Amino acid sequence: MKNYFVGAILLFVMSTGCESKEEIAFPYEGDKIVLTSFMQPDSLMYLRVTKSVQIGVSDSFNFPELPQAQVRLLEDNVPMAPFTWKVINGRGYFVSAAPVRADRQYTVQAAMTGFKSVEATDSLPRQPLAYRGHAQQGIKKIRFTLKDPGSIKNYYRIRVYSASEPPAGKEAVPQAIIPYRLDPVFSNNFLDRAVDSYYNTLVLEDERFNGRELVFVLEAQQAITTPYLVVEISALSVTAFKYLKTLTLQQQDGGSIITEPVFVYSNVENGHGVVAGINTRWVAFKVDP
């Protein structure tokens, strides 16, 4: 599962780095270093280091890469082996020498001549406890169970994918994302979130089911026709939750001139971007005929 998860992380980082131009004037604070990485336990860290640009400048969202930056990675304040610069699918990444681990704190420091040095710190959450996925051919309902530990506040992201029947002895691999919503009939805990529109991603905190085992009932936009499904349940750090929540609000705002602009959360001191922990469990299951 880890091989295609790394690919998903890279796609996620690249997709969140793409933004559309909007006709809103924001004061420019000058060039700053931008750090972008979503850390997954037991996987290498893939870190994007780029330069911010002024909105409205030609190609302003093709952020220039900074491969000459001096970048350090610390685990629980202990320096780790140096990053290696690699180009993957046409984009440059600083790649860690060793995997990052759950329940550890990681700090990324980056310096470059002409820029203020930047630093970002976050930890990796434990993997969520999710299981018992179920769906039926020709029906829109998708179920799975999530057991929330009650000792701490937890944050989650939920996505659903179609999947083909895997080879014998292999696990189903997620393919196309399936838009869904919380089923308004069964989701009494989230009546205010059970809206008419369908979405690709749900980001939520556990305040309504803290310490409980809860059956989530989702309604897909279309009837299920694929032989397998994969429900992706990701535990998020507080940083990851704030970033994804504000990113969603900004996308929903769409550059409206009658509302206050939404600024995406960043934990990068003296710079922009996000370095955050995420820990994913894949619940893959065969769809009943």
Protein backbone atom coordinates (compact mmCIF):
# COMPACT_ATOMS: atom_id res chain seq x y z
CA MET A 1 0.00 0.00 0.00
CA LYS A 2 2.87 2.37 0.69
CA ASN A 3 3.98 2.57 -2.97
CA TYR A 4 0.76 4.05 -4.22
CA PHE A 5 0.35 6.17 -1.11
CA VAL A 6 3.62 7.97 -1.88
CA GLY A 7 2.24 8.66 -5.33
CA ALA A 8 -0.96 9.98 -3.81
CA ILE A 9 0.99 12.29 -1.50
CA LEU A 10 2.97 13.69 -4.42
CA LEU A 11 -0.25 14.25 -6.37
CA PHE A 12 -1.80 15.88 -3.32
CA VAL A 13 1.14 18.25 -2.84
CA MET A 14 1.13 19.18 -6.50
CA SER A 15 -2.64 19.67 -6.60
CA THR A 16 -2.67 21.92 -3.53
CA GLY A 17 0.15 23.98 -5.03
CA CYS A 18 -1.99 24.88 -8.05
CA GLU A 19 -4.18 27.93 -7.67
CA SER A 20 -6.21 30.08 -10.04
CA LYS A 21 -5.64 33.80 -10.55
CA GLU A 22 -8.14 36.14 -8.98
CA GLU A 23 -8.69 39.84 -9.54
CA ILE A 24 -8.06 40.86 -5.94
CA ALA A 25 -5.25 43.18 -4.91
CA PHE A 26 -3.16 41.94 -1.99
CA PRO A 27 -0.11 43.77 -0.64
CA TYR A 28 3.09 41.93 -1.57
CA GLU A 29 5.43 41.30 1.34
CA GLY A 30 8.45 40.51 -0.81
CA ASP A 31 9.98 37.22 -1.90
CA LYS A 32 9.82 34.50 0.73
CA ILE A 33 10.70 30.83 0.91
CA VAL A 34 7.72 28.47 0.55
CA LEU A 35 7.86 25.00 2.14
CA THR A 36 5.36 22.29 1.24
CA SER A 37 5.31 18.75 2.61
CA PHE A 38 2.78 16.28 3.98
CA MET A 39 4.65 13.72 6.05
CA GLN A 40 3.47 10.10 6.14
CA PRO A 41 4.86 7.67 8.74
CA ASP A 42 7.26 5.03 7.41
CA SER A 43 7.69 6.95 4.14
CA LEU A 44 10.40 9.32 3.00
CA MET A 45 9.69 13.02 3.32
CA TYR A 46 9.15 14.83 0.01
CA LEU A 47 9.70 18.56 0.51
CA ARG A 48 9.02 21.28 -2.04
CA VAL A 49 11.12 24.44 -1.56
CA THR A 50 10.06 27.31 -3.81
CA LYS A 51 9.97 31.11 -3.95
CA SER A 52 6.83 33.17 -3.50
CA VAL A 53 5.84 35.53 -6.30
CA GLN A 54 3.57 38.53 -6.55
CA ILE A 55 -0.01 37.92 -7.67
CA GLY A 56 -0.58 39.37 -11.12
CA VAL A 57 2.95 38.85 -12.39
CA SER A 58 3.20 36.77 -15.57
CA ASP A 59 3.46 33.05 -14.70
CA SER A 60 3.06 34.06 -11.07
CA PHE A 61 1.83 30.61 -10.06
CA ASN A 62 4.71 28.73 -11.62
CA PHE A 63 6.62 29.14 -8.38
CA PRO A 64 10.40 29.10 -9.00
CA GLU A 65 12.18 26.21 -7.30
CA LEU A 66 15.15 26.75 -4.99
CA PRO A 67 17.35 23.65 -5.46
CA GLN A 68 20.37 25.49 -4.01
CA ALA A 69 18.66 26.11 -0.66
CA GLN A 70 20.33 24.74 2.46
CA VAL A 71 17.73 22.47 4.02
CA ARG A 72 17.93 20.59 7.35
CA LEU A 73 15.62 18.01 8.90
CA LEU A 74 15.51 17.38 12.65
CA GLU A 75 13.74 14.51 14.42
CA ASP A 76 12.89 15.40 18.01
CA ASN A 77 15.52 18.19 17.69
CA VAL A 78 18.23 15.74 16.55
CA PRO A 79 19.63 16.44 13.03
CA MET A 80 18.97 13.70 10.48
CA ALA A 81 20.98 12.79 7.37
CA PRO A 82 20.95 15.45 4.60
CA PHE A 83 18.18 15.68 2.02
CA THR A 84 18.77 14.65 -1.61
CA TRP A 85 17.47 16.81 -4.46
CA LYS A 86 15.38 14.78 -6.94
CA VAL A 87 13.17 15.67 -9.91
CA ILE A 88 9.93 13.68 -9.92
CA ASN A 89 7.36 14.13 -12.70
CA GLY A 90 9.05 17.36 -13.72
CA ARG A 91 9.12 18.91 -10.24
CA GLY A 92 11.99 19.17 -7.80
CA TYR A 93 11.84 17.74 -4.29
CA PHE A 94 14.19 17.54 -1.35
CA VAL A 95 13.89 13.87 -0.32
CA SER A 96 14.87 12.65 3.15
CA ALA A 97 17.46 9.89 3.56
CA ALA A 98 15.28 7.93 6.00
CA PRO A 99 11.54 7.51 6.58
CA VAL A 100 9.77 9.67 9.13
CA ARG A 101 7.94 7.97 12.01
CA ALA A 102 4.70 8.34 13.92
CA ASP A 103 4.73 9.99 17.36
CA ARG A 104 7.89 11.92 16.47
CA GLN A 105 8.29 15.67 15.96
CA TYR A 106 10.00 16.94 12.84
CA THR A 107 11.45 20.36 12.11
CA VAL A 108 12.42 21.59 8.65
CA GLN A 109 14.84 24.52 8.36
CA ALA A 110 15.68 26.20 5.05
CA ALA A 111 18.07 29.05 4.23
CA MET A 112 18.96 30.78 0.97
CA THR A 113 20.96 33.89 0.14
CA GLY A 114 18.62 36.84 -0.29
CA PHE A 115 15.82 35.33 1.81
CA LYS A 116 14.94 35.15 5.47
CA SER A 117 15.60 31.70 6.90
CA VAL A 118 12.41 29.71 7.51
CA GLU A 119 11.39 26.93 9.86
CA ALA A 120 8.36 24.69 10.28
CA THR A 121 7.62 22.03 12.89
CA ASP A 122 4.95 19.36 13.16
CA SER A 123 4.42 15.83 14.45
CA LEU A 124 2.80 12.78 12.92
CA PRO A 125 -0.48 11.45 14.33
CA ARG A 126 -1.20 7.79 14.98
CA GLN A 127 -3.00 5.80 12.31
CA PRO A 128 -6.80 5.93 12.64
CA LEU A 129 -8.78 2.84 13.65
CA ALA A 130 -11.13 2.23 10.73
CA TYR A 131 -12.61 -0.99 9.36
CA ARG A 132 -15.74 -2.85 8.15
CA GLY A 133 -16.31 -1.17 4.81
CA HIS A 134 -19.51 -2.15 2.99
CA ALA A 135 -21.35 -1.24 -0.22
CA GLN A 136 -23.67 -2.94 -2.67
CA GLN A 137 -23.79 -2.89 -6.47
CA GLY A 138 -26.37 -0.48 -7.87
CA ILE A 139 -26.81 1.27 -4.50
CA LYS A 140 -25.37 4.62 -3.42
CA LYS A 141 -24.79 3.79 0.27
CA ILE A 142 -21.23 3.28 1.55
CA ARG A 143 -20.53 2.34 5.18
CA PHE A 144 -17.44 2.07 7.32
CA THR A 145 -16.65 2.17 11.03
CA LEU A 146 -14.28 4.62 12.73
CA LYS A 147 -13.18 4.15 16.35
CA ASP A 148 -12.00 7.41 17.85
CA PRO A 149 -9.55 7.34 20.78
CA GLY A 150 -10.90 9.58 23.51
CA SER A 151 -7.62 10.60 25.14
CA ILE A 152 -6.82 13.44 22.70
CA LYS A 153 -8.53 15.63 20.15
CA ASN A 154 -8.43 14.02 16.72
CA TYR A 155 -8.84 15.32 13.19
CA TYR A 156 -9.72 13.37 10.05
CA ARG A 157 -9.96 13.55 6.26
CA ILE A 158 -12.22 11.10 4.39
CA ARG A 159 -12.10 10.26 0.68
CA VAL A 160 -13.61 7.40 -1.36
CA TYR A 161 -12.16 5.74 -4.47
CA SER A 162 -13.32 3.20 -7.01
CA ALA A 163 -11.10 0.15 -7.50
CA SER A 164 -10.77 -2.84 -9.82
CA GLU A 165 -10.58 -6.41 -8.63
CA PRO A 166 -6.98 -6.95 -7.51
CA PRO A 167 -4.77 -9.94 -8.45
CA ALA A 168 -4.89 -12.87 -6.05
CA GLY A 169 -3.13 -12.05 -2.78
CA LYS A 170 -2.98 -8.31 -3.52
CA GLU A 171 -4.94 -5.40 -2.07
CA ALA A 172 -7.24 -3.22 -4.15
CA VAL A 173 -5.58 -0.06 -5.46
CA PRO A 174 -7.59 3.22 -5.42
CA GLN A 175 -8.36 4.65 -8.85
CA ALA A 176 -10.95 7.37 -9.51
CA ILE A 177 -12.23 9.48 -6.63
CA ILE A 178 -15.96 9.17 -5.90
CA PRO A 179 -17.91 12.31 -4.90
CA TYR A 180 -20.15 11.73 -1.88
CA ARG A 181 -22.01 13.37 0.96
CA LEU A 182 -22.95 12.34 4.48
CA ASP A 183 -26.23 10.46 4.23
CA PRO A 184 -28.86 12.84 5.67
CA VAL A 185 -31.00 9.90 6.89
CA PHE A 186 -28.33 8.10 8.93
CA SER A 187 -25.88 10.86 9.87
CA ASN A 188 -27.62 12.26 12.96
CA ASN A 189 -24.25 13.34 14.38
CA PHE A 190 -23.66 15.61 11.37
CA LEU A 191 -27.05 16.93 10.36
CA ASP A 192 -25.57 20.35 9.65
CA ARG A 193 -22.97 18.73 7.36
CA ALA A 194 -25.50 16.56 5.47
CA VAL A 195 -25.97 19.04 2.63
CA ASP A 196 -27.39 18.64 -0.87
CA SER A 197 -24.06 19.06 -2.65
CA TYR A 198 -21.49 16.29 -3.07
CA TYR A 199 -17.79 16.70 -2.40
CA ASN A 200 -14.55 14.81 -2.91
CA THR A 201 -13.14 15.35 0.56
CA LEU A 202 -14.52 15.74 4.06
CA VAL A 203 -12.33 17.30 6.78
CA LEU A 204 -13.69 17.12 10.32
CA GLU A 205 -12.78 16.96 14.00
CA ASP A 206 -14.01 14.46 16.57
CA GLU A 207 -15.90 16.80 18.89
CA ARG A 208 -19.22 15.02 18.17
CA PHE A 209 -17.94 11.46 18.55
CA ASN A 210 -14.90 11.75 20.81
CA GLY A 211 -13.98 8.36 22.27
CA ARG A 212 -16.76 6.54 20.44
CA GLU A 213 -17.02 3.91 17.72
CA LEU A 214 -19.15 5.44 14.98
CA VAL A 215 -20.59 3.98 11.77
CA PHE A 216 -20.29 6.50 8.96
CA VAL A 217 -22.94 6.26 6.24
CA LEU A 218 -22.05 8.02 3.00
CA GLU A 219 -24.17 8.56 -0.08
CA ALA A 220 -22.26 8.45 -3.39
CA GLN A 221 -23.30 10.82 -6.14
CA GLN A 222 -23.86 7.85 -8.47
CA ALA A 223 -24.85 4.24 -7.84
CA ILE A 224 -21.84 1.98 -7.16
CA THR A 225 -20.78 -0.03 -10.23
CA THR A 226 -17.12 -0.90 -9.54
CA PRO A 227 -16.21 -4.33 -8.06
CA TYR A 228 -14.15 -2.85 -5.22
CA LEU A 229 -14.05 0.36 -3.19
CA VAL A 230 -11.33 1.96 -1.10
CA VAL A 231 -12.23 4.36 1.71
CA GLU A 232 -9.26 6.53 2.68
CA ILE A 233 -9.38 7.71 6.31
CA SER A 234 -6.50 10.00 7.25
CA ALA A 235 -5.62 11.14 10.75
CA LEU A 236 -4.44 14.76 10.57
CA SER A 237 -2.21 16.80 12.80
CA VAL A 238 -3.67 20.11 14.00
CA THR A 239 -1.53 21.86 11.39
CA ALA A 240 -2.80 19.65 8.57
CA PHE A 241 -6.40 20.17 9.72
CA LYS A 242 -6.09 23.97 9.82
CA TYR A 243 -4.38 24.07 6.43
CA LEU A 244 -6.93 21.82 4.68
CA LYS A 245 -9.87 23.55 6.37
CA THR A 246 -8.80 27.04 5.32
CA LEU A 247 -7.83 25.80 1.85
CA THR A 248 -11.35 24.44 1.41
CA LEU A 249 -12.87 27.73 2.61
CA GLN A 250 -10.70 29.69 0.18
CA GLN A 251 -11.76 27.47 -2.72
CA GLN A 252 -15.41 27.87 -1.73
CA ASP A 253 -14.96 31.65 -1.48
CA GLY A 254 -13.81 31.68 -5.11
CA GLY A 255 -12.49 35.23 -5.00
CA SER A 256 -15.79 36.86 -4.06
CA ILE A 257 -15.51 40.63 -3.62
CA ILE A 258 -18.41 40.75 -1.14
CA THR A 259 -16.79 38.55 1.50
CA GLU A 260 -13.63 38.80 3.51
CA PRO A 261 -10.74 36.99 1.76
CA VAL A 262 -9.77 33.66 3.30
CA PHE A 263 -6.05 33.20 3.94
CA VAL A 264 -4.74 29.64 3.94
CA TYR A 265 -3.13 28.63 7.23
CA SER A 266 0.66 28.30 7.30
CA ASN A 267 3.03 27.03 9.99
CA VAL A 268 6.19 28.25 8.21
CA GLU A 269 7.92 30.96 10.25
CA ASN A 270 9.15 33.90 8.08
CA GLY A 271 7.78 32.19 4.97
CA HIS A 272 4.76 30.51 3.43
CA GLY A 273 3.41 27.00 2.93
CA VAL A 274 2.87 24.08 5.25
CA VAL A 275 4.80 21.15 6.70
CA ALA A 276 2.27 18.82 8.29
CA GLY A 277 1.75 15.27 9.50
CA ILE A 278 -0.82 12.88 8.08
CA ASN A 279 -1.39 9.16 8.71
CA THR A 280 -3.68 7.20 6.41
CA ARG A 281 -5.54 3.93 6.69
CA TRP A 282 -7.02 2.38 3.54
CA VAL A 283 -10.18 0.31 4.01
CA ALA A 284 -10.43 -1.74 0.80
CA PHE A 285 -13.36 -4.09 0.29
CA LYS A 286 -15.33 -5.99 -2.31
CA VAL A 287 -18.69 -4.52 -3.27
CA ASP A 288 -21.55 -6.96 -2.68
CA PRO A 289 -23.46 -8.03 -5.82
